Amino acid sequence: MGPWAVTRIKEVIWIPPIVSWIKCNTDGTAKGCPGPVACGGIFRDNNANVVGCFAQNLNISTAFHAELIGA
């Protein structure tokens, strides 16, 4: 198996927001500390339609910084 081999699959159920609301999911990631970091997010309406999204390379920093900027 390679370093990215899947050993377990976990089902995740997305719960939509109430009508007329927008749900925002964000995350940040880092490879090392400090190391290369990035963040991203997606905005969806109650029908799961994508309203907007973003992804950003943050160069060399910390996982905390990536999470903070993502939010």
PDB file of N, CA and C in Angstrom:
ATOM      1  N   MET A   1       0.827  -1.192   0.000  1.00  0.00           N
ATOM      2  CA  MET A   1       0.000   0.000   0.000  1.00  0.00           C
ATOM      3  C   MET A   1       0.867   1.249   0.000  1.00  0.00           C
ATOM      4  N   GLY A   2       0.403   2.256  -0.732  1.00  0.00           N
ATOM      5  CA  GLY A   2       1.116   3.519  -0.777  1.00  0.00           C
ATOM      6  C   GLY A   2       0.768   4.382   0.423  1.00  0.00           C
ATOM      7  N   PRO A   3       1.388   5.537   0.549  1.00  0.00           N
ATOM      8  CA  PRO A   3       1.136   6.411   1.704  1.00  0.00           C
ATOM      9  C   PRO A   3      -0.287   6.978   1.737  1.00  0.00           C
ATOM     10  N   TRP A   4      -1.012   6.957   0.596  1.00  0.00           N
ATOM     11  CA  TRP A   4      -2.359   7.519   0.543  1.00  0.00           C
ATOM     12  C   TRP A   4      -3.423   6.428   0.426  1.00  0.00           C
ATOM     13  N   ALA A   5      -3.101   5.189   0.723  1.00  0.00           N
ATOM     14  CA  ALA A   5      -4.059   4.091   0.606  1.00  0.00           C
ATOM     15  C   ALA A   5      -5.193   4.249   1.622  1.00  0.00           C
ATOM     16  N   VAL A   6      -6.406   3.973   1.173  1.00  0.00           N
ATOM     17  CA  VAL A   6      -7.573   4.056   2.045  1.00  0.00           C
ATOM     18  C   VAL A   6      -7.697   2.767   2.834  1.00  0.00           C
ATOM     19  N   THR A   7      -7.745   2.880   4.145  1.00  0.00           N
ATOM     20  CA  THR A   7      -7.877   1.697   4.981  1.00  0.00           C
ATOM     21  C   THR A   7      -9.270   1.613   5.610  1.00  0.00           C
ATOM     22  N   ARG A   8      -9.995   2.735   5.621  1.00  0.00           N
ATOM     23  CA  ARG A   8     -11.329   2.751   6.194  1.00  0.00           C
ATOM     24  C   ARG A   8     -12.128   3.873   5.542  1.00  0.00           C
ATOM     25  N   ILE A   9     -13.391   3.617   5.259  1.00  0.00           N
ATOM     26  CA  ILE A   9     -14.272   4.616   4.666  1.00  0.00           C
ATOM     27  C   ILE A   9     -15.333   4.979   5.696  1.00  0.00           C
ATOM     28  N   LYS A  10     -15.541   6.276   5.907  1.00  0.00           N
ATOM     29  CA  LYS A  10     -16.535   6.746   6.869  1.00  0.00           C
ATOM     30  C   LYS A  10     -17.570   7.578   6.128  1.00  0.00           C
ATOM     31  N   GLU A  11     -18.833   7.220   6.264  1.00  0.00           N
ATOM     32  CA  GLU A  11     -19.908   7.963   5.621  1.00  0.00           C
ATOM     33  C   GLU A  11     -20.162   9.260   6.385  1.00  0.00           C
ATOM     34  N   VAL A  12     -20.281  10.359   5.643  1.00  0.00           N
ATOM     35  CA  VAL A  12     -20.575  11.663   6.223  1.00  0.00           C
ATOM     36  C   VAL A  12     -21.864  12.164   5.599  1.00  0.00           C
ATOM     37  N   ILE A  13     -22.829  12.537   6.420  1.00  0.00           N
ATOM     38  CA  ILE A  13     -24.119  13.007   5.921  1.00  0.00           C
ATOM     39  C   ILE A  13     -24.194  14.518   6.102  1.00  0.00           C
ATOM     40  N   TRP A  14     -24.374  15.217   4.971  1.00  0.00           N
ATOM     41  CA  TRP A  14     -24.482  16.672   4.991  1.00  0.00           C
ATOM     42  C   TRP A  14     -25.911  17.054   5.335  1.00  0.00           C
ATOM     43  N   ILE A  15     -26.084  17.935   6.311  1.00  0.00           N
ATOM     44  CA  ILE A  15     -27.410  18.386   6.720  1.00  0.00           C
ATOM     45  C   ILE A  15     -27.612  19.803   6.177  1.00  0.00           C
ATOM     46  N   PRO A  16     -28.615  20.000   5.317  1.00  0.00           N
ATOM     47  CA  PRO A  16     -28.819  21.321   4.714  1.00  0.00           C
ATOM     48  C   PRO A  16     -29.311  22.349   5.726  1.00  0.00           C
ATOM     49  N   PRO A  17     -29.073  23.632   5.434  1.00  0.00           N
ATOM     50  CA  PRO A  17     -29.584  24.692   6.306  1.00  0.00           C
ATOM     51  C   PRO A  17     -31.088  24.872   6.079  1.00  0.00           C
ATOM     52  N   ILE A  18     -31.723  25.667   6.935  1.00  0.00           N
ATOM     53  CA  ILE A  18     -33.144  25.947   6.741  1.00  0.00           C
ATOM     54  C   ILE A  18     -33.323  26.819   5.500  1.00  0.00           C
ATOM     55  N   VAL A  19     -34.545  26.863   4.979  1.00  0.00           N
ATOM     56  CA  VAL A  19     -34.850  27.625   3.760  1.00  0.00           C
ATOM     57  C   VAL A  19     -34.418  29.077   3.912  1.00  0.00           C
ATOM     58  N   SER A  20     -33.819  29.616   2.868  1.00  0.00           N
ATOM     59  CA  SER A  20     -33.320  30.994   2.737  1.00  0.00           C
ATOM     60  C   SER A  20     -32.002  31.246   3.474  1.00  0.00           C
ATOM     61  N   TRP A  21     -31.420  30.229   4.101  1.00  0.00           N
ATOM     62  CA  TRP A  21     -30.116  30.357   4.737  1.00  0.00           C
ATOM     63  C   TRP A  21     -29.044  29.787   3.826  1.00  0.00           C
ATOM     64  N   ILE A  22     -27.797  30.175   4.062  1.00  0.00           N
ATOM     65  CA  ILE A  22     -26.628  29.653   3.357  1.00  0.00           C
ATOM     66  C   ILE A  22     -25.738  28.964   4.380  1.00  0.00           C
ATOM     67  N   LYS A  23     -25.263  27.768   4.042  1.00  0.00           N
ATOM     68  CA  LYS A  23     -24.360  27.043   4.937  1.00  0.00           C
ATOM     69  C   LYS A  23     -22.940  27.157   4.398  1.00  0.00           C
ATOM     70  N   CYS A  24     -22.001  27.447   5.281  1.00  0.00           N
ATOM     71  CA  CYS A  24     -20.595  27.591   4.907  1.00  0.00           C
ATOM     72  C   CYS A  24     -19.772  26.523   5.620  1.00  0.00           C
ATOM     73  N   ASN A  25     -19.025  25.731   4.855  1.00  0.00           N
ATOM     74  CA  ASN A  25     -18.109  24.750   5.414  1.00  0.00           C
ATOM     75  C   ASN A  25     -16.692  25.155   5.007  1.00  0.00           C
ATOM     76  N   THR A  26     -15.795  25.312   5.983  1.00  0.00           N
ATOM     77  CA  THR A  26     -14.417  25.700   5.702  1.00  0.00           C
ATOM     78  C   THR A  26     -13.453  24.721   6.352  1.00  0.00           C
ATOM     79  N   ASP A  27     -12.216  24.721   5.854  1.00  0.00           N
ATOM     80  CA  ASP A  27     -11.177  23.878   6.434  1.00  0.00           C
ATOM     81  C   ASP A  27      -9.820  24.435   6.056  1.00  0.00           C
ATOM     82  N   GLY A  28      -8.845  24.120   6.867  1.00  0.00           N
ATOM     83  CA  GLY A  28      -7.462  24.478   6.588  1.00  0.00           C
ATOM     84  C   GLY A  28      -6.615  23.229   6.721  1.00  0.00           C
ATOM     85  N   THR A  29      -5.491  23.192   6.031  1.00  0.00           N
ATOM     86  CA  THR A  29      -4.619  22.025   6.095  1.00  0.00           C
ATOM     87  C   THR A  29      -3.161  22.450   6.050  1.00  0.00           C
ATOM     88  N   ALA A  30      -2.317  21.643   6.655  1.00  0.00           N
ATOM     89  CA  ALA A  30      -0.886  21.925   6.679  1.00  0.00           C
ATOM     90  C   ALA A  30      -0.111  20.623   6.529  1.00  0.00           C
ATOM     91  N   LYS A  31       1.056  20.727   5.923  1.00  0.00           N
ATOM     92  CA  LYS A  31       1.970  19.591   5.820  1.00  0.00           C
ATOM     93  C   LYS A  31       3.246  20.002   6.542  1.00  0.00           C
ATOM     94  N   GLY A  32       3.283  19.687   7.829  1.00  0.00           N
ATOM     95  CA  GLY A  32       4.400  20.128   8.654  1.00  0.00           C
ATOM     96  C   GLY A  32       4.032  21.388   9.409  1.00  0.00           C
ATOM     97  N   CYS A  33       4.877  21.726  10.381  1.00  0.00           N
ATOM     98  CA  CYS A  33       4.601  22.925  11.175  1.00  0.00           C
ATOM     99  C   CYS A  33       5.924  23.562  11.604  1.00  0.00           C
ATOM    100  N   PRO A  34       6.369  24.599  10.937  1.00  0.00           N
ATOM    101  CA  PRO A  34       5.706  25.223   9.795  1.00  0.00           C
ATOM    102  C   PRO A  34       5.918  24.400   8.524  1.00  0.00           C
ATOM    103  N   GLY A  35       5.055  24.649   7.558  1.00  0.00           N
ATOM    104  CA  GLY A  35       5.134  23.951   6.281  1.00  0.00           C
ATOM    105  C   GLY A  35       4.143  24.556   5.305  1.00  0.00           C
ATOM    106  N   PRO A  36       3.990  23.937   4.121  1.00  0.00           N
ATOM    107  CA  PRO A  36       3.022  24.448   3.152  1.00  0.00           C
ATOM    108  C   PRO A  36       1.600  24.302   3.697  1.00  0.00           C
ATOM    109  N   VAL A  37       0.801  25.366   3.607  1.00  0.00           N
ATOM    110  CA  VAL A  37      -0.569  25.348   4.114  1.00  0.00           C
ATOM    111  C   VAL A  37      -1.527  25.912   3.076  1.00  0.00           C
ATOM    112  N   ALA A  38      -2.802  25.545   3.214  1.00  0.00           N
ATOM    113  CA  ALA A  38      -3.856  26.035   2.336  1.00  0.00           C
ATOM    114  C   ALA A  38      -5.168  25.989   3.099  1.00  0.00           C
ATOM    115  N   CYS A  39      -6.163  26.689   2.563  1.00  0.00           N
ATOM    116  CA  CYS A  39      -7.491  26.660   3.152  1.00  0.00           C
ATOM    117  C   CYS A  39      -8.518  26.730   2.030  1.00  0.00           C
ATOM    118  N   GLY A  40      -9.745  26.389   2.370  1.00  0.00           N
ATOM    119  CA  GLY A  40     -10.808  26.439   1.381  1.00  0.00           C
ATOM    120  C   GLY A  40     -12.160  26.424   2.056  1.00  0.00           C
ATOM    121  N   GLY A  41     -13.185  26.711   1.278  1.00  0.00           N
ATOM    122  CA  GLY A  41     -14.535  26.715   1.819  1.00  0.00           C
ATOM    123  C   GLY A  41     -15.552  26.609   0.707  1.00  0.00           C
ATOM    124  N   ILE A  42     -16.757  26.206   1.069  1.00  0.00           N
ATOM    125  CA  ILE A  42     -17.854  26.090   0.114  1.00  0.00           C
ATOM    126  C   ILE A  42     -19.127  26.608   0.768  1.00  0.00           C
ATOM    127  N   PHE A  43     -19.942  27.311  -0.013  1.00  0.00           N
ATOM    128  CA  PHE A  43     -21.199  27.883   0.453  1.00  0.00           C
ATOM    129  C   PHE A  43     -22.329  27.221  -0.323  1.00  0.00           C
ATOM    130  N   ARG A  44     -23.315  26.662   0.399  1.00  0.00           N
ATOM    131  CA  ARG A  44     -24.430  25.961  -0.247  1.00  0.00           C
ATOM    132  C   ARG A  44     -25.763  26.450   0.317  1.00  0.00           C
ATOM    133  N   ASP A  45     -26.797  26.410  -0.556  1.00  0.00           N
ATOM    134  CA  ASP A  45     -28.140  26.762  -0.092  1.00  0.00           C
ATOM    135  C   ASP A  45     -28.855  25.514   0.425  1.00  0.00           C
ATOM    136  N   ASN A  46     -30.133  25.645   0.791  1.00  0.00           N
ATOM    137  CA  ASN A  46     -30.866  24.527   1.385  1.00  0.00           C
ATOM    138  C   ASN A  46     -31.131  23.381   0.411  1.00  0.00           C
ATOM    139  N   ASN A  47     -30.934  23.602  -0.895  1.00  0.00           N
ATOM    140  CA  ASN A  47     -31.075  22.537  -1.897  1.00  0.00           C
ATOM    141  C   ASN A  47     -29.729  21.925  -2.269  1.00  0.00           C
ATOM    142  N   ALA A  48     -28.690  22.268  -1.548  1.00  0.00           N
ATOM    143  CA  ALA A  48     -27.315  21.807  -1.761  1.00  0.00           C
ATOM    144  C   ALA A  48     -26.684  22.381  -3.024  1.00  0.00           C
ATOM    145  N   ASN A  49     -27.272  23.435  -3.596  1.00  0.00           N
ATOM    146  CA  ASN A  49     -26.660  24.118  -4.730  1.00  0.00           C
ATOM    147  C   ASN A  49     -25.476  24.944  -4.251  1.00  0.00           C
ATOM    148  N   VAL A  50     -24.387  24.897  -4.997  1.00  0.00           N
ATOM    149  CA  VAL A  50     -23.203  25.682  -4.639  1.00  0.00           C
ATOM    150  C   VAL A  50     -23.462  27.148  -4.976  1.00  0.00           C
ATOM    151  N   VAL A  51     -23.353  28.005  -3.969  1.00  0.00           N
ATOM    152  CA  VAL A  51     -23.535  29.442  -4.133  1.00  0.00           C
ATOM    153  C   VAL A  51     -22.184  30.105  -4.371  1.00  0.00           C
ATOM    154  N   GLY A  52     -21.132  29.556  -3.791  1.00  0.00           N
ATOM    155  CA  GLY A  52     -19.788  30.081  -3.968  1.00  0.00           C
ATOM    156  C   GLY A  52     -18.786  29.164  -3.288  1.00  0.00           C
ATOM    157  N   CYS A  53     -17.516  29.332  -3.631  1.00  0.00           N
ATOM    158  CA  CYS A  53     -16.467  28.534  -3.004  1.00  0.00           C
ATOM    159  C   CYS A  53     -15.129  29.255  -3.159  1.00  0.00           C
ATOM    160  N   PHE A  54     -14.140  28.817  -2.390  1.00  0.00           N
ATOM    161  CA  PHE A  54     -12.803  29.391  -2.500  1.00  0.00           C
ATOM    162  C   PHE A  54     -11.759  28.381  -2.070  1.00  0.00           C
ATOM    163  N   ALA A  55     -10.564  28.540  -2.569  1.00  0.00           N
ATOM    164  CA  ALA A  55      -9.394  27.772  -2.146  1.00  0.00           C
ATOM    165  C   ALA A  55      -8.202  28.713  -2.233  1.00  0.00           C
ATOM    166  N   GLN A  56      -7.324  28.654  -1.249  1.00  0.00           N
ATOM    167  CA  GLN A  56      -6.208  29.590  -1.205  1.00  0.00           C
ATOM    168  C   GLN A  56      -4.940  28.924  -0.694  1.00  0.00           C
ATOM    169  N   ASN A  57      -3.872  29.020  -1.458  1.00  0.00           N
ATOM    170  CA  ASN A  57      -2.546  28.587  -1.016  1.00  0.00           C
ATOM    171  C   ASN A  57      -2.009  29.686  -0.107  1.00  0.00           C
ATOM    172  N   LEU A  58      -1.546  29.304   1.076  1.00  0.00           N
ATOM    173  CA  LEU A  58      -1.046  30.293   2.034  1.00  0.00           C
ATOM    174  C   LEU A  58       0.464  30.217   2.218  1.00  0.00           C
ATOM    175  N   ASN A  59       1.151  29.524   1.310  1.00  0.00           N
ATOM    176  CA  ASN A  59       2.605  29.363   1.359  1.00  0.00           C
ATOM    177  C   ASN A  59       3.048  28.635   2.626  1.00  0.00           C
ATOM    178  N   ILE A  60       4.106  29.081   3.262  1.00  0.00           N
ATOM    179  CA  ILE A  60       4.643  28.408   4.449  1.00  0.00           C
ATOM    180  C   ILE A  60       4.098  29.077   5.707  1.00  0.00           C
ATOM    181  N   SER A  61       3.459  28.286   6.556  1.00  0.00           N
ATOM    182  CA  SER A  61       2.905  28.817   7.797  1.00  0.00           C
ATOM    183  C   SER A  61       2.584  27.653   8.723  1.00  0.00           C
ATOM    184  N   THR A  62       1.573  27.826   9.600  1.00  0.00           N
ATOM    185  CA  THR A  62       1.193  26.781  10.571  1.00  0.00           C
ATOM    186  C   THR A  62      -0.252  26.334  10.311  1.00  0.00           C
ATOM    187  N   ALA A  63      -0.606  25.187  10.859  1.00  0.00           N
ATOM    188  CA  ALA A  63      -1.971  24.671  10.735  1.00  0.00           C
ATOM    189  C   ALA A  63      -2.967  25.646  11.358  1.00  0.00           C
ATOM    190  N   PHE A  64      -2.610  26.250  12.476  1.00  0.00           N
ATOM    191  CA  PHE A  64      -3.486  27.227  13.120  1.00  0.00           C
ATOM    192  C   PHE A  64      -3.803  28.387  12.182  1.00  0.00           C
ATOM    193  N   HIS A  65      -2.782  28.883  11.497  1.00  0.00           N
ATOM    194  CA  HIS A  65      -2.973  29.992  10.561  1.00  0.00           C
ATOM    195  C   HIS A  65      -3.919  29.590   9.427  1.00  0.00           C
ATOM    196  N   ALA A  66      -3.735  28.378   8.895  1.00  0.00           N
ATOM    197  CA  ALA A  66      -4.591  27.892   7.806  1.00  0.00           C
ATOM    198  C   ALA A  66      -6.049  27.811   8.248  1.00  0.00           C
ATOM    199  N   GLU A  67      -6.306  27.283   9.440  1.00  0.00           N
ATOM    200  CA  GLU A  67      -7.672  27.189   9.961  1.00  0.00           C
ATOM    201  C   GLU A  67      -8.262  28.593  10.196  1.00  0.00           C
ATOM    202  N   LEU A  68      -7.475  29.477  10.736  1.00  0.00           N
ATOM    203  CA  LEU A  68      -7.932  30.839  11.028  1.00  0.00           C
ATOM    204  C   LEU A  68      -8.284  31.581   9.747  1.00  0.00           C
ATOM    205  N   ILE A  69      -7.446  31.524   8.757  1.00  0.00           N
ATOM    206  CA  ILE A  69      -7.699  32.221   7.498  1.00  0.00           C
ATOM    207  C   ILE A  69      -8.873  31.582   6.762  1.00  0.00           C
ATOM    208  N   GLY A  70      -9.011  30.264   6.831  1.00  0.00           N
ATOM    209  CA  GLY A  70     -10.148  29.585   6.218  1.00  0.00           C
ATOM    210  C   GLY A  70     -11.470  30.041   6.798  1.00  0.00           C
ATOM    211  N   ALA A  71     -11.504  30.228   8.108  1.00  0.00           N
ATOM    212  CA  ALA A  71     -12.743  30.676   8.758  1.00  0.00           C
ATOM    213  C   ALA A  71     -12.995  32.142   8.441  1.00  0.00           C
TER     214      ALA A  71
END
